[in-house]
Amino acid sequence: MRFTENFYKLLLIVYVFIFSKNILQIFFGIITTSSNKQYDSLILINPFNFSNSTFIFYLLYFILYELVILGTSIYLPLYILLFFIVRRLGNKISIHILYLLILYCMAIWLFNVEMDPFCILVIGILGFLNWFLFKKWVNEK
């Protein structure tokens, strides 16, 4: 499993993660009454209340902030670290879920907020998705 052969696949996994995270945030923002958090990219707002101008603003925000800034400066280095952990310990679902859970706990500690049970569910779903994408796309040669 060589890093240079898998870098672009890893970048694609990061973007799939970001899109999936935002879709799950929208879904759980619609079906629950989650409180607004300044550090959430979507602030868990109901997308059915978007007007044309706010929807276009959100798309620009999503592309610039989530994909470009956070995707390359935060998520990509975290996924590179995950790549080397998986390379060392093997591709196991528990590793992916535990890795995301540790990151979530660090974010809770950093932002000093309460733990949200829906976020734990999202972490489980995203951990399973990460495991599947690593299994499908990352070469184990």
Protein backbone atom coordinates (compact mmCIF):
# COMPACT_ATOMS: atom_id res chain seq x y z
CA MET A 1 0.00 0.00 0.00
CA ARG A 2 2.05 2.92 -1.28
CA PHE A 3 1.12 6.44 -0.34
CA THR A 4 2.06 7.97 -3.69
CA GLU A 5 -0.18 5.55 -5.60
CA ASN A 6 -3.12 6.21 -3.30
CA PHE A 7 -2.89 9.98 -2.74
CA TYR A 8 -5.54 10.93 -5.31
CA LYS A 9 -7.83 8.17 -4.09
CA LEU A 10 -7.34 9.47 -0.56
CA LEU A 11 -8.26 12.98 -1.75
CA LEU A 12 -11.39 11.56 -3.36
CA ILE A 13 -12.27 9.76 -0.10
CA VAL A 14 -11.90 13.10 1.74
CA TYR A 15 -14.36 14.77 -0.65
CA VAL A 16 -16.82 11.87 -0.37
CA PHE A 17 -16.52 12.19 3.43
CA ILE A 18 -17.24 15.93 3.31
CA PHE A 19 -20.27 15.52 1.04
CA SER A 20 -21.60 12.64 3.14
CA LYS A 21 -21.08 14.55 6.39
CA ASN A 22 -23.02 17.52 5.05
CA ILE A 23 -25.83 15.37 3.67
CA LEU A 24 -26.15 13.64 7.05
CA GLN A 25 -26.10 17.02 8.82
CA ILE A 26 -28.91 18.23 6.57
CA PHE A 27 -30.87 15.03 7.16
CA PHE A 28 -30.51 15.11 10.94
CA GLY A 29 -31.03 18.89 10.95
CA ILE A 30 -34.41 18.33 9.29
CA ILE A 31 -35.64 15.48 11.47
CA THR A 32 -34.32 16.78 14.80
CA THR A 33 -34.26 20.07 16.64
CA SER A 34 -30.50 20.36 17.02
CA SER A 35 -29.16 23.57 18.44
CA ASN A 36 -27.14 25.92 16.24
CA LYS A 37 -23.38 25.75 16.61
CA GLN A 38 -21.08 28.38 15.17
CA TYR A 39 -18.45 25.86 14.10
CA ASP A 40 -20.84 23.62 12.12
CA SER A 41 -20.60 24.17 8.40
CA LEU A 42 -24.35 23.91 7.92
CA ILE A 43 -25.40 25.20 11.33
CA LEU A 44 -27.95 22.38 10.99
CA ILE A 45 -30.45 24.63 9.27
CA ASN A 46 -33.46 23.40 7.39
CA PRO A 47 -32.64 23.59 3.64
CA PHE A 48 -36.34 23.88 2.80
CA ASN A 49 -36.19 27.47 4.09
CA PHE A 50 -33.50 28.49 1.57
CA SER A 51 -34.27 31.22 -0.92
CA ASN A 52 -32.38 31.43 -4.22
CA SER A 53 -29.84 33.93 -2.91
CA THR A 54 -29.18 32.02 0.32
CA PHE A 55 -28.87 28.74 -1.58
CA ILE A 56 -26.30 30.23 -3.97
CA PHE A 57 -24.45 31.74 -1.00
CA TYR A 58 -24.48 28.35 0.74
CA LEU A 59 -23.08 26.62 -2.35
CA LEU A 60 -20.24 29.13 -2.60
CA TYR A 61 -19.63 28.80 1.12
CA PHE A 62 -19.62 25.00 0.85
CA ILE A 63 -17.16 24.97 -2.06
CA LEU A 64 -14.76 27.53 -0.63
CA TYR A 65 -14.92 26.72 3.06
CA GLU A 66 -15.69 23.00 3.28
CA LEU A 67 -13.95 21.66 0.18
CA VAL A 68 -11.03 24.01 -0.34
CA ILE A 69 -10.11 25.39 3.09
CA LEU A 70 -11.16 22.63 5.49
CA GLY A 71 -10.73 19.83 2.97
CA THR A 72 -7.10 20.58 2.23
CA SER A 73 -5.92 22.06 5.51
CA ILE A 74 -7.67 19.84 8.07
CA TYR A 75 -9.36 16.79 6.58
CA LEU A 76 -6.62 15.78 4.14
CA PRO A 77 -3.83 15.68 6.80
CA LEU A 78 -6.17 13.74 9.11
CA TYR A 79 -6.88 11.25 6.35
CA ILE A 80 -3.19 10.92 5.54
CA LEU A 81 -2.64 10.01 9.20
CA LEU A 82 -5.58 7.56 8.97
CA PHE A 83 -4.00 6.05 5.86
CA PHE A 84 -0.79 5.27 7.77
CA ILE A 85 -2.75 3.91 10.75
CA VAL A 86 -4.72 1.62 8.44
CA ARG A 87 -1.53 0.63 6.69
CA ARG A 88 0.00 -0.36 10.02
CA LEU A 89 -3.00 -1.97 11.75
CA GLY A 90 -5.13 -3.15 8.84
CA ASN A 91 -8.42 -1.93 7.42
CA LYS A 92 -10.92 -2.60 10.21
CA ILE A 93 -14.28 -0.92 10.78
CA SER A 94 -13.41 -0.38 14.43
CA ILE A 95 -10.30 1.62 13.53
CA HIS A 96 -12.26 3.99 11.29
CA ILE A 97 -15.07 4.54 13.80
CA LEU A 98 -12.69 4.91 16.75
CA TYR A 99 -10.52 7.38 14.81
CA LEU A 100 -13.53 9.59 14.02
CA LEU A 101 -14.83 9.24 17.57
CA ILE A 102 -11.50 10.40 19.00
CA LEU A 103 -11.53 13.39 16.64
CA TYR A 104 -15.11 14.18 17.69
CA CYS A 105 -14.18 14.01 21.39
CA MET A 106 -11.24 16.34 20.76
CA ALA A 107 -13.57 18.79 18.97
CA ILE A 108 -16.02 18.66 21.89
CA TRP A 109 -13.21 19.38 24.29
CA LEU A 110 -11.84 22.19 22.11
CA PHE A 111 -15.21 23.90 21.54
CA ASN A 112 -16.48 23.12 25.07
CA VAL A 113 -19.92 21.86 23.97
CA GLU A 114 -22.14 18.95 24.94
CA MET A 115 -22.05 15.59 23.19
CA ASP A 116 -24.90 15.13 20.69
CA PRO A 117 -26.25 11.57 20.19
CA PHE A 118 -26.99 12.28 16.53
CA CYS A 119 -23.34 13.17 15.99
CA ILE A 120 -22.35 9.78 17.41
CA LEU A 121 -24.72 8.14 14.91
CA VAL A 122 -23.21 10.20 12.08
CA ILE A 123 -19.71 9.15 13.23
CA GLY A 124 -20.73 5.50 13.05
CA ILE A 125 -22.16 5.93 9.55
CA LEU A 126 -19.11 7.88 8.35
CA GLY A 127 -16.73 5.35 9.93
CA PHE A 128 -18.46 2.54 8.04
CA LEU A 129 -18.31 4.61 4.84
CA ASN A 130 -14.57 5.27 5.36
CA TRP A 131 -13.92 1.57 5.90
CA PHE A 132 -15.82 0.68 2.74
CA LEU A 133 -14.05 3.32 0.62
CA PHE A 134 -10.62 2.31 1.91
CA LYS A 135 -11.46 -1.32 1.15
CA LYS A 136 -12.75 -0.46 -2.33
CA TRP A 137 -10.29 2.20 -3.52
CA VAL A 138 -7.03 2.09 -1.59
CA ASN A 139 -4.53 -0.41 -3.00
CA GLU A 140 -3.17 -2.89 -0.51
CA LYS A 141 -0.10 -3.92 -2.51
